[in-house]
N, C-alpha and C. Protein backbone atom coordinates (compact mmCIF):
# COMPACT_ATOMS: atom_id res chain seq x y z
N MET A 1 98.70 100.67 65.85
CA MET A 1 99.59 101.25 67.07
C MET A 1 100.03 100.84 67.71
N SER A 2 101.72 101.37 67.76
CA SER A 2 103.08 100.67 68.27
C SER A 2 103.04 101.46 69.74
N ARG A 3 103.55 100.00 70.15
CA ARG A 3 103.59 99.97 71.63
C ARG A 3 105.19 99.99 72.20
N ARG A 4 105.66 100.68 72.83
CA ARG A 4 106.93 100.54 73.52
C ARG A 4 107.13 99.87 74.45
N LYS A 5 107.99 99.07 74.02
CA LYS A 5 108.70 97.46 75.71
C LYS A 5 109.15 98.48 76.99
N THR A 6 108.58 98.16 78.17
CA THR A 6 109.28 99.02 79.11
C THR A 6 109.72 98.10 80.25
N THR A 7 110.73 98.15 81.16
CA THR A 7 110.91 97.17 81.56
C THR A 7 110.38 97.64 83.19
N LYS A 8 109.60 96.40 83.76
CA LYS A 8 108.33 96.37 84.85
C LYS A 8 109.69 96.87 85.89
N GLN A 9 109.16 97.87 86.92
CA GLN A 9 109.85 98.27 88.14
C GLN A 9 108.90 97.49 89.35
N PRO A 10 109.61 96.91 90.23
CA PRO A 10 108.94 97.00 91.23
C PRO A 10 108.90 97.93 92.20
N TRP A 11 109.47 99.21 91.87
CA TRP A 11 108.86 100.45 92.86
C TRP A 11 108.48 101.40 92.01
N MET A 12 107.81 102.54 92.54
CA MET A 12 107.87 103.55 91.17
C MET A 12 108.37 104.77 92.44
N LYS A 13 108.69 105.77 91.86
CA LYS A 13 109.03 107.38 92.43
C LYS A 13 107.89 107.74 92.97
N PHE A 14 107.79 108.37 94.33
CA PHE A 14 107.19 109.53 95.02
C PHE A 14 107.51 110.21 95.19
N TYR A 15 107.54 111.34 95.16
CA TYR A 15 107.05 112.59 95.92
C TYR A 15 106.64 112.66 96.60
N PRO A 16 106.08 113.33 98.02
CA PRO A 16 105.33 113.25 99.16
C PRO A 16 105.33 114.86 98.80
N GLY A 17 106.32 115.40 98.92
CA GLY A 17 105.76 116.93 98.13
C GLY A 17 104.10 117.07 97.32
N ASP A 18 104.86 116.90 96.61
CA ASP A 18 103.82 117.05 95.26
C ASP A 18 102.32 116.17 95.47
N TRP A 19 102.09 115.41 96.02
CA TRP A 19 101.31 114.98 96.91
C TRP A 19 100.87 115.38 97.80
N ARG A 20 101.17 116.49 98.70
CA ARG A 20 100.82 117.38 99.31
C ARG A 20 100.57 118.25 99.00
N SER A 21 101.32 118.69 98.52
CA SER A 21 101.22 120.27 97.51
C SER A 21 99.97 120.53 96.36
N ASP A 22 99.59 119.03 95.35
CA ASP A 22 98.98 118.91 94.11
C ASP A 22 97.61 119.58 94.69
N PRO A 23 97.02 121.19 94.05
CA PRO A 23 95.84 121.66 94.41
C PRO A 23 94.68 120.49 93.99
N LYS A 24 94.78 119.54 92.78
CA LYS A 24 93.80 118.85 92.40
C LYS A 24 93.32 117.65 93.45
N LEU A 25 94.42 117.38 94.52
CA LEU A 25 94.18 116.19 94.84
C LEU A 25 93.65 117.23 96.55
N ARG A 26 94.44 118.19 96.83
CA ARG A 26 93.83 118.79 97.95
C ARG A 26 92.60 119.05 97.96
N MET A 27 91.78 119.57 97.01
CA MET A 27 90.71 119.71 97.15
C MET A 27 89.16 118.79 96.90
N VAL A 28 90.03 117.59 97.41
CA VAL A 28 88.91 116.12 97.07
C VAL A 28 88.98 115.57 98.58
N SER A 29 88.03 114.53 99.11
CA SER A 29 88.26 114.44 100.14
C SER A 29 89.48 113.50 100.46
N LEU A 30 89.09 112.72 101.88
CA LEU A 30 90.47 111.33 101.72
C LEU A 30 89.79 109.81 101.61
N ALA A 31 89.04 109.89 101.60
CA ALA A 31 88.25 108.78 100.64
C ALA A 31 88.81 108.65 98.97
N ALA A 32 88.82 109.85 98.51
CA ALA A 32 88.78 109.77 97.28
C ALA A 32 90.68 110.01 96.58
N ARG A 33 91.13 110.58 97.51
CA ARG A 33 92.63 110.38 97.91
C ARG A 33 93.27 108.66 98.21
N GLY A 34 92.71 107.94 98.77
CA GLY A 34 93.20 106.86 98.96
C GLY A 34 92.75 106.12 98.14
N LEU A 35 91.49 106.78 97.42
CA LEU A 35 91.46 105.50 95.88
C LEU A 35 92.41 105.60 95.05
N TRP A 36 92.86 106.95 94.90
CA TRP A 36 93.78 107.20 94.39
C TRP A 36 95.35 106.70 93.98
N MET A 37 95.30 106.75 95.22
CA MET A 37 96.75 105.73 95.91
C MET A 37 96.78 104.18 95.40
N ASP A 38 95.34 104.27 95.53
CA ASP A 38 95.18 102.57 94.82
C ASP A 38 95.50 102.67 92.94
N LEU A 39 94.32 104.02 92.60
CA LEU A 39 94.74 104.20 90.72
C LEU A 39 96.38 104.14 90.62
N LEU A 40 97.09 105.06 91.06
CA LEU A 40 98.30 105.28 91.05
C LEU A 40 99.02 103.70 91.09
N CYS A 41 98.65 102.88 92.10
CA CYS A 41 99.85 101.99 91.96
C CYS A 41 99.05 100.87 90.97
N LEU A 42 98.01 101.12 90.19
CA LEU A 42 97.54 100.21 88.69
C LEU A 42 98.19 100.65 88.07
N MET A 43 98.20 102.19 87.80
CA MET A 43 98.55 102.97 86.44
C MET A 43 99.94 102.44 86.78
N HIS A 44 100.79 102.28 87.63
CA HIS A 44 102.34 102.15 87.62
C HIS A 44 102.15 100.72 87.35
N GLU A 45 101.82 99.61 87.34
CA GLU A 45 101.80 98.83 86.97
C GLU A 45 101.39 98.15 85.76
N ALA A 46 100.59 99.19 84.81
CA ALA A 46 99.61 99.05 84.07
C ALA A 46 100.86 99.21 82.40
N GLU A 47 100.45 98.70 81.39
CA GLU A 47 101.12 99.32 80.06
C GLU A 47 100.46 99.88 79.29
N PRO A 48 100.17 100.73 79.04
CA PRO A 48 101.51 101.91 79.51
C PRO A 48 101.18 102.70 80.49
N ASN A 49 102.18 102.40 80.95
CA ASN A 49 102.38 103.56 82.59
C ASN A 49 101.20 104.97 82.66
N GLY A 50 100.58 105.13 83.44
CA GLY A 50 99.96 105.99 83.69
C GLY A 50 98.50 105.61 83.08
N PHE A 51 97.88 104.82 82.66
CA PHE A 51 96.59 104.64 82.41
C PHE A 51 96.13 103.32 82.98
N ILE A 52 94.71 103.56 83.78
CA ILE A 52 93.95 102.71 84.30
C ILE A 52 93.73 101.38 82.79
N VAL A 53 94.15 100.74 83.13
CA VAL A 53 93.83 99.37 81.46
C VAL A 53 94.35 98.34 82.14
N VAL A 54 93.31 97.42 81.71
CA VAL A 54 94.21 95.74 81.81
C VAL A 54 94.73 94.79 80.84
N GLY A 55 95.30 94.64 80.21
CA GLY A 55 95.51 94.34 79.12
C GLY A 55 95.49 94.83 78.35
N ASP A 56 94.88 95.13 77.02
CA ASP A 56 94.35 96.24 76.11
C ASP A 56 92.97 96.75 76.66
N ASN A 57 92.28 96.28 77.64
CA ASN A 57 90.88 96.36 78.46
C ASN A 57 91.13 97.60 79.47
N ARG A 58 90.01 98.57 79.45
CA ARG A 58 90.41 99.36 80.07
C ARG A 58 89.37 99.09 80.74
N PRO A 59 89.06 98.34 82.46
CA PRO A 59 87.95 97.66 83.71
C PRO A 59 86.90 98.46 83.22
N THR A 60 85.78 97.60 83.64
CA THR A 60 84.42 98.76 83.72
C THR A 60 84.39 99.05 85.09
N LEU A 61 83.37 100.21 86.03
CA LEU A 61 83.24 100.36 87.29
C LEU A 61 83.61 98.87 87.55
N GLU A 62 82.48 97.77 87.45
CA GLU A 62 82.71 96.87 88.11
C GLU A 62 83.87 96.45 88.60
N GLN A 63 84.63 95.90 87.56
CA GLN A 63 86.19 95.48 86.95
C GLN A 63 86.87 96.64 88.39
N LEU A 64 86.62 97.78 88.18
CA LEU A 64 87.77 98.66 88.54
C LEU A 64 87.13 98.88 90.25
N ALA A 65 86.14 98.23 91.07
CA ALA A 65 86.12 97.89 91.99
C ALA A 65 86.43 96.81 92.51
N ARG A 66 86.67 95.54 91.46
CA ARG A 66 87.24 94.70 92.25
C ARG A 66 89.19 94.53 92.66
N LEU A 67 88.97 95.54 91.68
CA LEU A 67 90.28 96.02 91.29
C LEU A 67 90.96 96.44 92.64
N VAL A 68 90.37 97.63 93.02
CA VAL A 68 90.28 97.92 94.82
C VAL A 68 90.07 98.16 95.57
N GLY A 69 89.30 96.35 95.50
CA GLY A 69 88.83 96.17 97.00
C GLY A 69 87.54 96.47 97.56
N ALA A 70 86.65 97.14 96.15
CA ALA A 70 85.74 97.59 97.02
C ALA A 70 84.04 97.56 96.13
N GLU A 71 83.14 98.21 96.44
CA GLU A 71 81.78 98.00 96.01
C GLU A 71 81.75 98.62 94.71
N PRO A 72 80.97 98.67 93.81
CA PRO A 72 81.10 99.98 92.51
C PRO A 72 80.53 101.25 93.25
N GLN A 73 79.26 101.04 94.01
CA GLN A 73 78.50 102.42 93.87
C GLN A 73 79.49 103.09 95.53
N THR A 74 80.58 102.11 96.33
CA THR A 74 81.22 102.99 96.64
C THR A 74 82.29 103.92 95.89
N ILE A 75 82.76 103.19 94.73
CA ILE A 75 84.06 104.34 94.00
C ILE A 75 83.68 105.42 93.07
N GLU A 76 82.44 104.76 92.41
CA GLU A 76 81.95 105.38 91.58
C GLU A 76 81.91 107.37 92.06
N PRO A 77 81.22 108.01 93.10
CA PRO A 77 81.47 109.11 93.35
C PRO A 77 82.94 109.37 94.22
N LEU A 78 83.39 108.92 94.23
CA LEU A 78 84.91 108.64 94.31
C LEU A 78 85.70 109.34 92.82
N LEU A 79 85.78 108.46 92.26
CA LEU A 79 86.13 108.96 90.47
C LEU A 79 85.66 110.01 90.15
N GLN A 80 83.63 110.03 90.05
CA GLN A 80 83.27 111.40 90.14
C GLN A 80 84.50 112.69 90.24
N GLU A 81 84.33 112.53 91.85
CA GLU A 81 85.05 113.35 91.89
C GLU A 81 86.39 113.97 92.38
N LEU A 82 87.32 112.53 92.21
CA LEU A 82 88.42 112.88 91.37
C LEU A 82 88.54 113.51 89.59
N GLU A 83 87.81 112.94 88.72
CA GLU A 83 87.72 113.85 87.52
C GLU A 83 86.85 115.31 87.37
N ARG A 84 86.34 115.61 88.47
CA ARG A 84 85.73 117.11 88.95
C ARG A 84 86.49 118.08 89.32
N SER A 85 87.60 117.49 90.26
CA SER A 85 88.68 117.93 90.24
C SER A 85 90.02 118.34 89.48
N GLY A 86 89.98 117.50 88.47
CA GLY A 86 90.70 117.22 87.02
C GLY A 86 92.32 116.54 87.81
N ALA A 87 91.94 115.92 88.61
CA ALA A 87 93.48 114.38 89.34
C ALA A 87 93.44 113.82 88.22
N VAL A 88 92.35 113.09 88.23
CA VAL A 88 91.89 112.33 86.99
C VAL A 88 91.27 112.68 85.05
N THR A 89 91.31 112.81 84.55
CA THR A 89 91.31 111.92 83.21
C THR A 89 90.90 110.88 82.69
N ARG A 90 90.37 111.27 81.15
CA ARG A 90 89.88 110.17 80.36
C ARG A 90 90.37 110.75 78.88
N THR A 91 90.96 109.49 78.35
CA THR A 91 91.14 109.68 77.04
C THR A 91 90.14 109.86 76.63
N TYR A 92 90.33 109.71 74.83
CA TYR A 92 89.42 109.79 74.14
C TYR A 92 88.12 108.59 73.94
N PHE A 93 89.37 107.42 74.62
CA PHE A 93 88.92 106.04 74.54
C PHE A 93 87.83 105.72 76.20
N GLY A 94 88.03 106.82 76.50
CA GLY A 94 87.50 106.54 77.72
C GLY A 94 88.24 106.61 79.17
N ALA A 95 89.21 105.40 78.65
CA ALA A 95 90.55 104.74 79.98
C ALA A 95 90.97 106.58 80.78
N LEU A 96 90.99 105.70 82.04
CA LEU A 96 91.23 107.03 82.95
C LEU A 96 93.21 106.91 83.11
N ARG A 97 93.12 108.26 82.94
CA ARG A 97 94.44 108.10 83.40
C ARG A 97 94.93 109.69 83.82
N CYS A 98 96.63 109.22 84.62
CA CYS A 98 97.10 110.19 86.17
C CYS A 98 96.95 111.34 85.32
N GLU A 99 96.84 112.86 85.81
CA GLU A 99 96.65 113.57 85.33
C GLU A 99 97.91 114.57 86.74
N GLY A 100 97.24 114.38 87.58
CA GLY A 100 98.65 115.13 88.94
C GLY A 100 99.83 114.92 88.24
N PRO A 101 100.74 115.12 89.55
CA PRO A 101 101.95 114.94 89.78
C PRO A 101 102.51 113.62 88.96
N ARG A 102 102.38 113.79 87.07
CA ARG A 102 102.74 112.71 86.32
C ARG A 102 104.19 111.99 86.31
N ARG A 103 105.51 112.62 87.23
CA ARG A 103 106.36 111.95 87.29
C ARG A 103 106.27 110.76 88.75
N THR A 104 105.13 110.65 89.42
CA THR A 104 104.91 109.96 90.30
C THR A 104 104.86 108.52 89.49
N VAL A 105 104.06 108.16 88.84
CA VAL A 105 104.04 107.12 88.10
C VAL A 105 104.49 106.81 86.59
N LEU A 106 104.92 107.67 85.77
CA LEU A 106 105.89 107.87 84.52
C LEU A 106 106.71 107.32 84.82
N ASP A 107 107.43 107.17 84.08
CA ASP A 107 109.11 106.31 84.00
C ASP A 107 109.63 107.37 82.91
N PRO A 108 110.73 108.00 82.20
CA PRO A 108 111.11 108.40 81.93
C PRO A 108 110.75 108.33 80.33
N ILE A 109 110.47 106.71 80.50
CA ILE A 109 111.21 106.32 78.64
C ILE A 109 109.61 105.80 78.07
N SER A 110 108.22 105.55 79.31
CA SER A 110 107.28 106.10 78.50
C SER A 110 106.78 106.99 79.09
N ASP A 111 106.83 108.25 79.00
CA ASP A 111 105.77 109.66 79.87
C ASP A 111 105.55 110.04 78.56
N ASP A 112 104.59 109.23 78.01
CA ASP A 112 104.07 109.83 76.75
C ASP A 112 102.38 110.64 77.10
N PRO A 113 102.31 111.33 77.76
CA PRO A 113 100.83 111.59 78.15
C PRO A 113 99.50 111.75 77.02
N ASP A 114 100.19 112.22 75.96
CA ASP A 114 99.42 112.52 74.73
C ASP A 114 99.37 111.45 73.83
N GLY A 115 99.88 110.51 74.25
CA GLY A 115 100.17 109.15 72.99
C GLY A 115 98.27 108.36 72.63
N GLU A 116 99.22 107.17 71.64
CA GLU A 116 97.59 107.73 71.29
C GLU A 116 97.08 106.38 71.83
N PHE A 117 97.96 105.47 73.25
CA PHE A 117 97.10 104.60 73.91
C PHE A 117 97.12 104.82 74.58
N PRO A 118 95.82 104.51 75.36
CA PRO A 118 94.86 103.11 74.58
C PRO A 118 93.23 103.96 74.19
């Protein structure tokens, strides 16, 4: 499996119009959108961008809850809500992946939504 080396950015592009107009996000609760924003930040910091991974591993529900500062029983229904709306999908390997406005978190160098990883 090959990976491209990307330069870490201390910031990410954010398009408020995309955020406000994405029907997949508009269908979910305010709490789910708040979790989504934390997930966007995690995806921005991850290698590769756009996936919820820490190192080469996808976090468990308990680890993900710790990463966003919540309890597993709090985020589990919110994740299900995001997945049902289509804002978040899972790869073949079960890693969470950004599905909404990809340009929000992916830089042009690593924007490969159908790539092999993770």
